[in-house]
PDB file of all heavy atoms in Angstrom:
ATOM      1  N   ASP A   1      20.229 -11.290   5.089  1.00  0.00           N
ATOM      2  CA  ASP A   1      21.359 -10.942   6.012  1.00  0.00           C
ATOM      3  C   ASP A   1      21.210 -11.785   7.192  1.00  0.00           C
ATOM      4  O   ASP A   1      20.117 -11.982   7.753  1.00  0.00           O
ATOM      5  CB  ASP A   1      21.316  -9.456   6.328  1.00  0.00           C
ATOM      6  CG  ASP A   1      22.659  -8.916   6.768  1.00  0.00           C
ATOM      7  OD1 ASP A   1      23.481  -9.687   7.297  1.00  0.00           O
ATOM      8  OD2 ASP A   1      22.893  -7.732   6.483  1.00  0.00           O
ATOM      9  N   ILE A   2      22.354 -12.323   7.747  1.00  0.00           N
ATOM     10  CA  ILE A   2      22.339 -13.066   8.952  1.00  0.00           C
ATOM     11  C   ILE A   2      23.538 -12.596   9.792  1.00  0.00           C
ATOM     12  O   ILE A   2      24.701 -12.386   9.266  1.00  0.00           O
ATOM     13  CB  ILE A   2      22.444 -14.641   8.674  1.00  0.00           C
ATOM     14  CG1 ILE A   2      22.338 -15.390  10.017  1.00  0.00           C
ATOM     15  CG2 ILE A   2      23.666 -15.022   7.917  1.00  0.00           C
ATOM     16  CD1 ILE A   2      22.128 -16.891   9.792  1.00  0.00           C
ATOM     17  N   ARG A   3      23.319 -12.420  11.116  1.00  0.00           N
ATOM     18  CA  ARG A   3      24.362 -11.880  11.967  1.00  0.00           C
ATOM     19  C   ARG A   3      24.219 -12.510  13.397  1.00  0.00           C
ATOM     20  O   ARG A   3      23.139 -12.893  13.801  1.00  0.00           O
ATOM     21  CB  ARG A   3      24.306 -10.383  12.090  1.00  0.00           C
ATOM     22  CG  ARG A   3      24.302  -9.637  10.816  1.00  0.00           C
ATOM     23  CD  ARG A   3      24.189  -8.148  11.021  1.00  0.00           C
ATOM     24  NE  ARG A   3      24.166  -7.413   9.729  1.00  0.00           N
ATOM     25  CZ  ARG A   3      24.153  -6.145   9.566  1.00  0.00           C
ATOM     26  NH1 ARG A   3      24.109  -5.408  10.692  1.00  0.00           N
ATOM     27  NH2 ARG A   3      24.078  -5.562   8.457  1.00  0.00           N
ATOM     28  N   MET A   4      25.295 -12.499  14.142  1.00  0.00           N
ATOM     29  CA  MET A   4      25.280 -12.714  15.532  1.00  0.00           C
ATOM     30  C   MET A   4      24.792 -11.335  16.163  1.00  0.00           C
ATOM     31  O   MET A   4      25.344 -10.306  15.956  1.00  0.00           O
ATOM     32  CB  MET A   4      26.606 -13.023  16.147  1.00  0.00           C
ATOM     33  CG  MET A   4      26.652 -13.499  17.635  1.00  0.00           C
ATOM     34  SD  MET A   4      26.235 -12.272  18.879  1.00  0.00           S
ATOM     35  CE  MET A   4      27.527 -11.062  18.598  1.00  0.00           C
ATOM     36  N   THR A   5      23.673 -11.354  16.972  1.00  0.00           N
ATOM     37  CA  THR A   5      23.207 -10.135  17.498  1.00  0.00           C
ATOM     38  C   THR A   5      22.286 -10.502  18.695  1.00  0.00           C
ATOM     39  O   THR A   5      21.591 -11.447  18.740  1.00  0.00           O
ATOM     40  CB  THR A   5      22.350  -9.337  16.458  1.00  0.00           C
ATOM     41  OG1 THR A   5      21.868  -8.217  17.104  1.00  0.00           O
ATOM     42  CG2 THR A   5      21.231 -10.188  15.959  1.00  0.00           C
ATOM     43  N   PHE A   6      22.424  -9.664  19.743  1.00  0.00           N
ATOM     44  CA  PHE A   6      21.525  -9.778  20.908  1.00  0.00           C
ATOM     45  C   PHE A   6      20.234  -8.954  20.652  1.00  0.00           C
ATOM     46  O   PHE A   6      19.189  -9.420  20.788  1.00  0.00           O
ATOM     47  CB  PHE A   6      22.240  -9.290  22.220  1.00  0.00           C
ATOM     48  CG  PHE A   6      23.342 -10.208  22.608  1.00  0.00           C
ATOM     49  CD1 PHE A   6      24.629 -10.091  22.217  1.00  0.00           C
ATOM     50  CD2 PHE A   6      22.962 -11.258  23.456  1.00  0.00           C
ATOM     51  CE1 PHE A   6      25.570 -10.932  22.634  1.00  0.00           C
ATOM     52  CE2 PHE A   6      23.946 -12.183  23.920  1.00  0.00           C
ATOM     53  CZ  PHE A   6      25.258 -11.995  23.512  1.00  0.00           C
ATOM     54  N   LEU A   7      20.445  -7.702  20.290  1.00  0.00           N
ATOM     55  CA  LEU A   7      19.318  -6.836  19.973  1.00  0.00           C
ATOM     56  C   LEU A   7      19.735  -6.009  18.737  1.00  0.00           C
ATOM     57  O   LEU A   7      20.697  -5.289  18.780  1.00  0.00           O
ATOM     58  CB  LEU A   7      18.925  -5.878  21.049  1.00  0.00           C
ATOM     59  CG  LEU A   7      18.255  -6.536  22.288  1.00  0.00           C
ATOM     60  CD1 LEU A   7      18.092  -5.448  23.362  1.00  0.00           C
ATOM     61  CD2 LEU A   7      16.913  -7.091  21.926  1.00  0.00           C
ATOM     62  N   PRO A   8      19.055  -6.151  17.529  1.00  0.00           N
ATOM     63  CA  PRO A   8      19.478  -5.427  16.356  1.00  0.00           C
ATOM     64  C   PRO A   8      19.605  -3.944  16.664  1.00  0.00           C
ATOM     65  O   PRO A   8      18.748  -3.372  17.257  1.00  0.00           O
ATOM     66  CB  PRO A   8      18.377  -5.760  15.399  1.00  0.00           C
ATOM     67  CG  PRO A   8      17.811  -7.097  15.858  1.00  0.00           C
ATOM     68  CD  PRO A   8      17.833  -6.987  17.356  1.00  0.00           C
ATOM     69  N   ASN A   9      20.619  -3.363  16.008  1.00  0.00           N
ATOM     70  CA  ASN A   9      20.849  -1.908  16.023  1.00  0.00           C
ATOM     71  C   ASN A   9      21.221  -1.298  17.331  1.00  0.00           C
ATOM     72  O   ASN A   9      21.331  -0.075  17.478  1.00  0.00           O
ATOM     73  CB  ASN A   9      19.647  -1.174  15.417  1.00  0.00           C
ATOM     74  CG  ASN A   9      19.175  -1.738  14.063  1.00  0.00           C
ATOM     75  OD1 ASN A   9      18.018  -2.117  13.998  1.00  0.00           O
ATOM     76  ND2 ASN A   9      20.061  -1.722  13.093  1.00  0.00           N
ATOM     77  N   SER A  10      21.333  -2.054  18.433  1.00  0.00           N
ATOM     78  CA  SER A  10      21.694  -1.500  19.672  1.00  0.00           C
ATOM     79  C   SER A  10      22.881  -2.164  20.390  1.00  0.00           C
ATOM     80  O   SER A  10      23.325  -1.729  21.412  1.00  0.00           O
ATOM     81  CB  SER A  10      20.523  -1.530  20.672  1.00  0.00           C
ATOM     82  OG  SER A  10      20.080  -2.846  20.846  1.00  0.00           O
ATOM     83  N   ASN A  11      23.332  -3.292  19.878  1.00  0.00           N
ATOM     84  CA  ASN A  11      24.437  -4.036  20.475  1.00  0.00           C
ATOM     85  C   ASN A  11      25.412  -4.386  19.360  1.00  0.00           C
ATOM     86  O   ASN A  11      25.046  -4.329  18.145  1.00  0.00           O
ATOM     87  CB  ASN A  11      23.917  -5.322  21.128  1.00  0.00           C
ATOM     88  CG  ASN A  11      23.311  -5.056  22.454  1.00  0.00           C
ATOM     89  OD1 ASN A  11      23.945  -4.871  23.417  1.00  0.00           O
ATOM     90  ND2 ASN A  11      22.000  -5.027  22.414  1.00  0.00           N
ATOM     91  N   PRO A  12      26.672  -4.779  19.716  1.00  0.00           N
ATOM     92  CA  PRO A  12      27.538  -5.266  18.626  1.00  0.00           C
ATOM     93  C   PRO A  12      26.931  -6.345  17.834  1.00  0.00           C
ATOM     94  O   PRO A  12      26.351  -7.256  18.339  1.00  0.00           O
ATOM     95  CB  PRO A  12      28.788  -5.703  19.447  1.00  0.00           C
ATOM     96  CG  PRO A  12      28.748  -4.907  20.676  1.00  0.00           C
ATOM     97  CD  PRO A  12      27.288  -4.746  21.004  1.00  0.00           C
ATOM     98  N   GLU A  13      27.106  -6.315  16.506  1.00  0.00           N
ATOM     99  CA  GLU A  13      26.601  -7.327  15.577  1.00  0.00           C
ATOM    100  C   GLU A  13      27.842  -7.810  14.838  1.00  0.00           C
ATOM    101  O   GLU A  13      28.624  -7.000  14.362  1.00  0.00           O
ATOM    102  CB  GLU A  13      25.519  -6.815  14.667  1.00  0.00           C
ATOM    103  CG  GLU A  13      24.299  -6.348  15.418  1.00  0.00           C
ATOM    104  CD  GLU A  13      23.281  -5.667  14.467  1.00  0.00           C
ATOM    105  OE1 GLU A  13      23.477  -5.672  13.238  1.00  0.00           O
ATOM    106  OE2 GLU A  13      22.298  -5.093  15.001  1.00  0.00           O
ATOM    107  N   GLN A  14      27.909  -9.139  14.629  1.00  0.00           N
ATOM    108  CA  GLN A  14      29.183  -9.663  14.003  1.00  0.00           C
ATOM    109  C   GLN A  14      28.850 -10.702  12.970  1.00  0.00           C
ATOM    110  O   GLN A  14      27.833 -11.441  13.131  1.00  0.00           O
ATOM    111  CB  GLN A  14      30.010 -10.235  15.098  1.00  0.00           C
ATOM    112  CG  GLN A  14      30.590  -9.172  16.048  1.00  0.00           C
ATOM    113  CD  GLN A  14      31.169  -9.770  17.307  1.00  0.00           C
ATOM    114  OE1 GLN A  14      31.296  -9.077  18.309  1.00  0.00           O
ATOM    115  NE2 GLN A  14      31.539 -11.028  17.347  1.00  0.00           N
ATOM    116  N   LYS A  15      29.648 -10.741  11.980  1.00  0.00           N
ATOM    117  CA  LYS A  15      29.569 -11.781  10.933  1.00  0.00           C
ATOM    118  C   LYS A  15      30.453 -12.981  11.299  1.00  0.00           C
ATOM    119  O   LYS A  15      30.349 -14.051  10.636  1.00  0.00           O
ATOM    120  CB  LYS A  15      29.964 -11.258   9.572  1.00  0.00           C
ATOM    121  CG  LYS A  15      29.041 -10.114   9.071  1.00  0.00           C
ATOM    122  CD  LYS A  15      27.659 -10.525   8.794  1.00  0.00           C
ATOM    123  CE  LYS A  15      27.556 -11.338   7.509  1.00  0.00           C
ATOM    124  NZ  LYS A  15      26.149 -11.665   7.163  1.00  0.00           N
ATOM    125  N   LYS A  16      31.286 -12.744  12.282  1.00  0.00           N
ATOM    126  CA  LYS A  16      32.106 -13.889  12.821  1.00  0.00           C
ATOM    127  C   LYS A  16      32.058 -13.715  14.363  1.00  0.00           C
ATOM    128  O   LYS A  16      32.346 -12.627  14.825  1.00  0.00           O
ATOM    129  CB  LYS A  16      33.538 -13.857  12.305  1.00  0.00           C
ATOM    130  CG  LYS A  16      34.348 -15.047  12.876  1.00  0.00           C
ATOM    131  CD  LYS A  16      35.769 -15.046  12.236  1.00  0.00           C
ATOM    132  CE  LYS A  16      36.482 -16.255  12.660  1.00  0.00           C
ATOM    133  NZ  LYS A  16      37.906 -16.347  12.116  1.00  0.00           N
ATOM    134  N   PHE A  17      31.754 -14.819  15.068  1.00  0.00           N
ATOM    135  CA  PHE A  17      31.648 -14.732  16.506  1.00  0.00           C
ATOM    136  C   PHE A  17      32.307 -15.960  17.077  1.00  0.00           C
ATOM    137  O   PHE A  17      31.841 -17.080  16.856  1.00  0.00           O
ATOM    138  CB  PHE A  17      30.086 -14.663  16.910  1.00  0.00           C
ATOM    139  CG  PHE A  17      29.955 -14.555  18.418  1.00  0.00           C
ATOM    140  CD1 PHE A  17      30.382 -13.410  19.057  1.00  0.00           C
ATOM    141  CD2 PHE A  17      29.276 -15.537  19.092  1.00  0.00           C
ATOM    142  CE1 PHE A  17      30.247 -13.319  20.468  1.00  0.00           C
ATOM    143  CE2 PHE A  17      29.086 -15.444  20.447  1.00  0.00           C
ATOM    144  CZ  PHE A  17      29.552 -14.295  21.164  1.00  0.00           C
ATOM    145  N   ILE A  18      33.314 -15.685  17.922  1.00  0.00           N
ATOM    146  CA  ILE A  18      34.040 -16.769  18.647  1.00  0.00           C
ATOM    147  C   ILE A  18      33.767 -16.549  20.153  1.00  0.00           C
ATOM    148  O   ILE A  18      34.217 -15.527  20.707  1.00  0.00           O
ATOM    149  CB  ILE A  18      35.514 -16.740  18.326  1.00  0.00           C
ATOM    150  CG1 ILE A  18      35.715 -16.732  16.782  1.00  0.00           C
ATOM    151  CG2 ILE A  18      36.155 -17.955  18.943  1.00  0.00           C
ATOM    152  CD1 ILE A  18      35.149 -17.911  16.030  1.00  0.00           C
ATOM    153  N   THR A  19      33.154 -17.547  20.746  1.00  0.00           N
ATOM    154  CA  THR A  19      32.829 -17.404  22.159  1.00  0.00           C
ATOM    155  C   THR A  19      33.662 -18.401  23.034  1.00  0.00           C
ATOM    156  O   THR A  19      34.545 -19.016  22.460  1.00  0.00           O
ATOM    157  CB  THR A  19      31.290 -17.625  22.356  1.00  0.00           C
ATOM    158  OG1 THR A  19      30.978 -17.414  23.762  1.00  0.00           O
ATOM    159  CG2 THR A  19      30.880 -19.039  21.991  1.00  0.00           C
ATOM    160  N   ARG A  20      33.330 -18.486  24.257  1.00  0.00           N
ATOM    161  CA  ARG A  20      34.104 -19.345  25.165  1.00  0.00           C
ATOM    162  C   ARG A  20      33.276 -20.575  25.559  1.00  0.00           C
ATOM    163  O   ARG A  20      32.066 -20.501  25.867  1.00  0.00           O
ATOM    164  CB  ARG A  20      34.500 -18.617  26.408  1.00  0.00           C
ATOM    165  CG  ARG A  20      35.350 -19.431  27.380  1.00  0.00           C
ATOM    166  CD  ARG A  20      35.848 -18.523  28.493  1.00  0.00           C
ATOM    167  NE  ARG A  20      34.818 -18.089  29.332  1.00  0.00           N
ATOM    168  CZ  ARG A  20      34.341 -18.694  30.431  1.00  0.00           C
ATOM    169  NH1 ARG A  20      34.822 -19.904  30.778  1.00  0.00           N
ATOM    170  NH2 ARG A  20      33.392 -18.178  31.193  1.00  0.00           N
ATOM    171  N   TYR A  21      33.866 -21.733  25.565  1.00  0.00           N
ATOM    172  CA  TYR A  21      33.163 -22.925  26.056  1.00  0.00           C
ATOM    173  C   TYR A  21      34.144 -23.855  26.741  1.00  0.00           C
ATOM    174  O   TYR A  21      35.237 -24.165  26.237  1.00  0.00           O
ATOM    175  CB  TYR A  21      32.541 -23.664  24.847  1.00  0.00           C
ATOM    176  CG  TYR A  21      31.864 -24.974  25.286  1.00  0.00           C
ATOM    177  CD1 TYR A  21      30.972 -25.067  26.265  1.00  0.00           C
ATOM    178  CD2 TYR A  21      32.269 -26.168  24.662  1.00  0.00           C
ATOM    179  CE1 TYR A  21      30.390 -26.208  26.664  1.00  0.00           C
ATOM    180  CE2 TYR A  21      31.734 -27.374  25.065  1.00  0.00           C
ATOM    181  CZ  TYR A  21      30.736 -27.391  26.081  1.00  0.00           C
ATOM    182  OH  TYR A  21      30.139 -28.566  26.432  1.00  0.00           O
ATOM    183  N   ASN A  22      33.805 -24.289  27.939  1.00  0.00           N
ATOM    184  CA  ASN A  22      34.690 -25.161  28.712  1.00  0.00           C
ATOM    185  C   ASN A  22      34.123 -26.559  28.669  1.00  0.00           C
ATOM    186  O   ASN A  22      33.167 -26.891  29.413  1.00  0.00           O
ATOM    187  CB  ASN A  22      34.838 -24.598  30.142  1.00  0.00           C
ATOM    188  CG  ASN A  22      35.863 -25.399  30.929  1.00  0.00           C
ATOM    189  OD1 ASN A  22      36.382 -26.404  30.498  1.00  0.00           O
ATOM    190  ND2 ASN A  22      36.073 -24.954  32.174  1.00  0.00           N
ATOM    191  N   CYS A  23      34.656 -27.392  27.844  1.00  0.00           N
ATOM    192  CA  CYS A  23      34.171 -28.786  27.704  1.00  0.00           C
ATOM    193  C   CYS A  23      34.775 -29.706  28.703  1.00  0.00           C
ATOM    194  O   CYS A  23      34.194 -30.690  29.127  1.00  0.00           O
ATOM    195  CB  CYS A  23      34.474 -29.243  26.267  1.00  0.00           C
ATOM    196  SG  CYS A  23      34.031 -30.985  26.041  1.00  0.00           S
ATOM    197  N   ASP A  24      35.961 -29.426  29.169  1.00  0.00           N
ATOM    198  CA  ASP A  24      36.775 -30.350  29.967  1.00  0.00           C
ATOM    199  C   ASP A  24      36.434 -30.414  31.430  1.00  0.00           C
ATOM    200  O   ASP A  24      36.736 -31.401  32.086  1.00  0.00           O
ATOM    201  CB  ASP A  24      38.211 -30.129  29.764  1.00  0.00           C
ATOM    202  CG  ASP A  24      38.662 -30.216  28.337  1.00  0.00           C
ATOM    203  OD1 ASP A  24      38.146 -31.110  27.641  1.00  0.00           O
ATOM    204  OD2 ASP A  24      39.515 -29.474  27.849  1.00  0.00           O
ATOM    205  N   THR A  25      35.918 -29.309  31.932  1.00  0.00           N
ATOM    206  CA  THR A  25      35.714 -29.221  33.421  1.00  0.00           C
ATOM    207  C   THR A  25      34.220 -29.274  33.670  1.00  0.00           C
ATOM    208  O   THR A  25      33.471 -28.423  33.072  1.00  0.00           O
ATOM    209  CB  THR A  25      36.313 -27.974  33.972  1.00  0.00           C
ATOM    210  OG1 THR A  25      37.671 -27.903  33.682  1.00  0.00           O
ATOM    211  CG2 THR A  25      36.105 -27.906  35.481  1.00  0.00           C
ATOM    212  N   MET A  26      33.783 -30.140  34.534  1.00  0.00           N
ATOM    213  CA  MET A  26      32.378 -30.263  34.840  1.00  0.00           C
ATOM    214  C   MET A  26      32.016 -29.039  35.627  1.00  0.00           C
ATOM    215  O   MET A  26      32.668 -28.610  36.550  1.00  0.00           O
ATOM    216  CB  MET A  26      32.167 -31.507  35.688  1.00  0.00           C
ATOM    217  CG  MET A  26      32.227 -32.832  34.959  1.00  0.00           C
ATOM    218  SD  MET A  26      31.052 -32.993  33.676  1.00  0.00           S
ATOM    219  CE  MET A  26      29.636 -33.387  34.624  1.00  0.00           C
ATOM    220  N   GLY A  27      30.881 -28.466  35.292  1.00  0.00           N
ATOM    221  CA  GLY A  27      30.342 -27.320  36.068  1.00  0.00           C
ATOM    222  C   GLY A  27      29.729 -27.841  37.284  1.00  0.00           C
ATOM    223  O   GLY A  27      29.651 -29.027  37.663  1.00  0.00           O
ATOM    224  N   PRO A  28      29.192 -26.916  38.130  1.00  0.00           N
ATOM    225  CA  PRO A  28      28.636 -27.320  39.398  1.00  0.00           C
ATOM    226  C   PRO A  28      27.243 -28.017  39.321  1.00  0.00           C
ATOM    227  O   PRO A  28      26.695 -28.446  40.244  1.00  0.00           O
ATOM    228  CB  PRO A  28      28.479 -25.938  40.131  1.00  0.00           C
ATOM    229  CG  PRO A  28      28.317 -24.919  39.041  1.00  0.00           C
ATOM    230  CD  PRO A  28      29.177 -25.492  37.942  1.00  0.00           C
ATOM    231  N   PHE A  29      26.716 -28.011  38.106  1.00  0.00           N
ATOM    232  CA  PHE A  29      25.441 -28.692  37.873  1.00  0.00           C
ATOM    233  C   PHE A  29      25.331 -29.155  36.502  1.00  0.00           C
ATOM    234  O   PHE A  29      26.168 -28.854  35.622  1.00  0.00           O
ATOM    235  CB  PHE A  29      24.261 -27.686  38.170  1.00  0.00           C
ATOM    236  CG  PHE A  29      24.340 -26.412  37.382  1.00  0.00           C
ATOM    237  CD1 PHE A  29      23.723 -26.364  36.125  1.00  0.00           C
ATOM    238  CD2 PHE A  29      25.047 -25.294  37.801  1.00  0.00           C
ATOM    239  CE1 PHE A  29      23.793 -25.216  35.371  1.00  0.00           C
ATOM    240  CE2 PHE A  29      25.103 -24.171  37.003  1.00  0.00           C
ATOM    241  CZ  PHE A  29      24.494 -24.120  35.805  1.00  0.00           C
ATOM    242  N   LEU A  30      24.349 -30.054  36.264  1.00  0.00           N
ATOM    243  CA  LEU A  30      24.051 -30.517  34.879  1.00  0.00           C
ATOM    244  C   LEU A  30      22.596 -30.280  34.565  1.00  0.00           C
ATOM    245  O   LEU A  30      21.726 -30.234  35.465  1.00  0.00           O
ATOM    246  CB  LEU A  30      24.284 -32.016  34.798  1.00  0.00           C
ATOM    247  CG  LEU A  30      25.695 -32.544  34.937  1.00  0.00           C
ATOM    248  CD1 LEU A  30      25.702 -34.040  34.977  1.00  0.00           C
ATOM    249  CD2 LEU A  30      26.497 -32.091  33.711  1.00  0.00           C
ATOM    250  N   PRO A  31      22.256 -30.190  33.306  1.00  0.00           N
ATOM    251  CA  PRO A  31      23.112 -29.871  32.174  1.00  0.00           C
ATOM    252  C   PRO A  31      23.234 -28.354  32.030  1.00  0.00           C
ATOM    253  O   PRO A  31      22.577 -27.667  32.743  1.00  0.00           O
ATOM    254  CB  PRO A  31      22.386 -30.463  30.986  1.00  0.00           C
ATOM    255  CG  PRO A  31      20.939 -30.226  31.353  1.00  0.00           C
ATOM    256  CD  PRO A  31      20.830 -30.331  32.827  1.00  0.00           C
ATOM    257  N   PRO A  32      24.050 -27.888  31.126  1.00  0.00           N
ATOM    258  CA  PRO A  32      24.987 -28.706  30.349  1.00  0.00           C
ATOM    259  C   PRO A  32      26.391 -28.688  30.987  1.00  0.00           C
ATOM    260  O   PRO A  32      26.557 -28.027  31.983  1.00  0.00           O
ATOM    261  CB  PRO A  32      25.003 -27.943  29.024  1.00  0.00           C
ATOM    262  CG  PRO A  32      24.747 -26.534  29.391  1.00  0.00           C
ATOM    263  CD  PRO A  32      23.937 -26.544  30.678  1.00  0.00           C
ATOM    264  N   ARG A  33      27.348 -29.345  30.454  1.00  0.00           N
ATOM    265  CA  ARG A  33      28.676 -29.409  31.018  1.00  0.00           C
ATOM    266  C   ARG A  33      29.382 -28.017  30.859  1.00  0.00           C
ATOM    267  O   ARG A  33      29.225 -27.351  29.861  1.00  0.00           O
ATOM    268  CB  ARG A  33      29.495 -30.458  30.297  1.00  0.00           C
ATOM    269  CG  ARG A  33      30.940 -30.558  30.650  1.00  0.00           C
ATOM    270  CD  ARG A  33      31.601 -31.756  30.088  1.00  0.00           C
ATOM    271  NE  ARG A  33      31.144 -32.954  30.764  1.00  0.00           N
ATOM    272  CZ  ARG A  33      31.716 -34.150  30.585  1.00  0.00           C
ATOM    273  NH1 ARG A  33      32.683 -34.287  29.706  1.00  0.00           N
ATOM    274  NH2 ARG A  33      31.288 -35.156  31.207  1.00  0.00           N
ATOM    275  N   GLY A  34      30.136 -27.718  31.843  1.00  0.00           N
ATOM    276  CA  GLY A  34      31.003 -26.532  31.724  1.00  0.00           C
ATOM    277  C   GLY A  34      30.143 -25.312  31.569  1.00  0.00           C
ATOM    278  O   GLY A  34      29.141 -25.109  32.223  1.00  0.00           O
ATOM    279  N   ASP A  35      30.590 -24.396  30.777  1.00  0.00           N
ATOM    280  CA  ASP A  35      30.000 -23.134  30.517  1.00  0.00           C
ATOM    281  C   ASP A  35      29.511 -23.053  29.073  1.00  0.00           C
ATOM    282  O   ASP A  35      30.260 -22.731  28.170  1.00  0.00           O
ATOM    283  CB  ASP A  35      31.043 -21.978  30.799  1.00  0.00           C
ATOM    284  CG  ASP A  35      30.383 -20.617  30.746  1.00  0.00           C
ATOM    285  OD1 ASP A  35      29.170 -20.527  30.545  1.00  0.00           O
ATOM    286  OD2 ASP A  35      31.194 -19.680  30.831  1.00  0.00           O
ATOM    287  N   PRO A  36      28.265 -23.475  28.836  1.00  0.00           N
ATOM    288  CA  PRO A  36      27.819 -23.591  27.482  1.00  0.00           C
ATOM    289  C   PRO A  36      27.792 -22.318  26.756  1.00  0.00           C
ATOM    290  O   PRO A  36      27.406 -21.267  27.320  1.00  0.00           O
ATOM    291  CB  PRO A  36      26.439 -24.243  27.616  1.00  0.00           C
ATOM    292  CG  PRO A  36      25.963 -23.719  28.924  1.00  0.00           C
ATOM    293  CD  PRO A  36      27.172 -23.631  29.796  1.00  0.00           C
ATOM    294  N   SER A  37      28.151 -22.422  25.490  1.00  0.00           N
ATOM    295  CA  SER A  37      28.079 -21.140  24.684  1.00  0.00           C
ATOM    296  C   SER A  37      26.671 -20.885  24.207  1.00  0.00           C
ATOM    297  O   SER A  37      25.944 -21.855  23.707  1.00  0.00           O
ATOM    298  CB  SER A  37      29.009 -21.270  23.405  1.00  0.00           C
ATOM    299  OG  SER A  37      30.336 -21.478  23.779  1.00  0.00           O
ATOM    300  N   GLN A  38      26.163 -19.711  24.303  1.00  0.00           N
ATOM    301  CA  GLN A  38      24.856 -19.317  23.766  1.00  0.00           C
ATOM    302  C   GLN A  38      25.192 -18.286  22.646  1.00  0.00           C
ATOM    303  O   GLN A  38      25.846 -17.322  22.913  1.00  0.00           O
ATOM    304  CB  GLN A  38      23.947 -18.653  24.701  1.00  0.00           C
ATOM    305  CG  GLN A  38      22.654 -18.230  24.080  1.00  0.00           C
ATOM    306  CD  GLN A  38      21.949 -17.088  24.846  1.00  0.00           C
ATOM    307  OE1 GLN A  38      22.465 -16.606  25.760  1.00  0.00           O
ATOM    308  NE2 GLN A  38      20.771 -16.774  24.422  1.00  0.00           N
ATOM    309  N   ILE A  39      24.780 -18.611  21.443  1.00  0.00           N
ATOM    310  CA  ILE A  39      24.993 -17.710  20.362  1.00  0.00           C
ATOM    311  C   ILE A  39      23.641 -17.232  19.798  1.00  0.00           C
ATOM    312  O   ILE A  39      22.956 -18.054  19.114  1.00  0.00           O
ATOM    313  CB  ILE A  39      25.830 -18.378  19.222  1.00  0.00           C
ATOM    314  CG1 ILE A  39      27.130 -18.957  19.794  1.00  0.00           C
ATOM    315  CG2 ILE A  39      26.125 -17.455  18.075  1.00  0.00           C
ATOM    316  CD1 ILE A  39      27.980 -19.737  18.795  1.00  0.00           C
ATOM    317  N   PRO A  40      23.255 -15.995  20.041  1.00  0.00           N
ATOM    318  CA  PRO A  40      21.960 -15.473  19.477  1.00  0.00           C
ATOM    319  C   PRO A  40      22.161 -14.973  18.047  1.00  0.00           C
ATOM    320  O   PRO A  40      23.180 -14.283  17.747  1.00  0.00           O
ATOM    321  CB  PRO A  40      21.651 -14.325  20.361  1.00  0.00           C
ATOM    322  CG  PRO A  40      22.941 -13.853  20.890  1.00  0.00           C
ATOM    323  CD  PRO A  40      23.873 -15.057  20.943  1.00  0.00           C
ATOM    324  N   ILE A  41      21.313 -15.378  17.184  1.00  0.00           N
ATOM    325  CA  ILE A  41      21.467 -15.060  15.744  1.00  0.00           C
ATOM    326  C   ILE A  41      20.188 -14.424  15.194  1.00  0.00           C
ATOM    327  O   ILE A  41      19.117 -14.873  15.477  1.00  0.00           O
ATOM    328  CB  ILE A  41      21.756 -16.399  14.943  1.00  0.00           C
ATOM    329  CG1 ILE A  41      23.089 -16.921  15.345  1.00  0.00           C
ATOM    330  CG2 ILE A  41      21.754 -16.106  13.419  1.00  0.00           C
ATOM    331  CD1 ILE A  41      23.344 -18.344  14.818  1.00  0.00           C
ATOM    332  N   GLY A  42      20.367 -13.284  14.520  1.00  0.00           N
ATOM    333  CA  GLY A  42      19.200 -12.609  13.884  1.00  0.00           C
ATOM    334  C   GLY A  42      19.398 -12.663  12.365  1.00  0.00           C
ATOM    335  O   GLY A  42      20.524 -12.602  11.842  1.00  0.00           O
TER     336      GLY A  42
END
């Protein structure tokens, strides 16, 4: 079994996860550009 999860059994767990990422606008610092997506997987 594989899922998007922060902590198993205590947070939402998903088989499909769509997050937000801003590639076009430079963030206030580097790296990474914009607001990088972090996807934790268990």
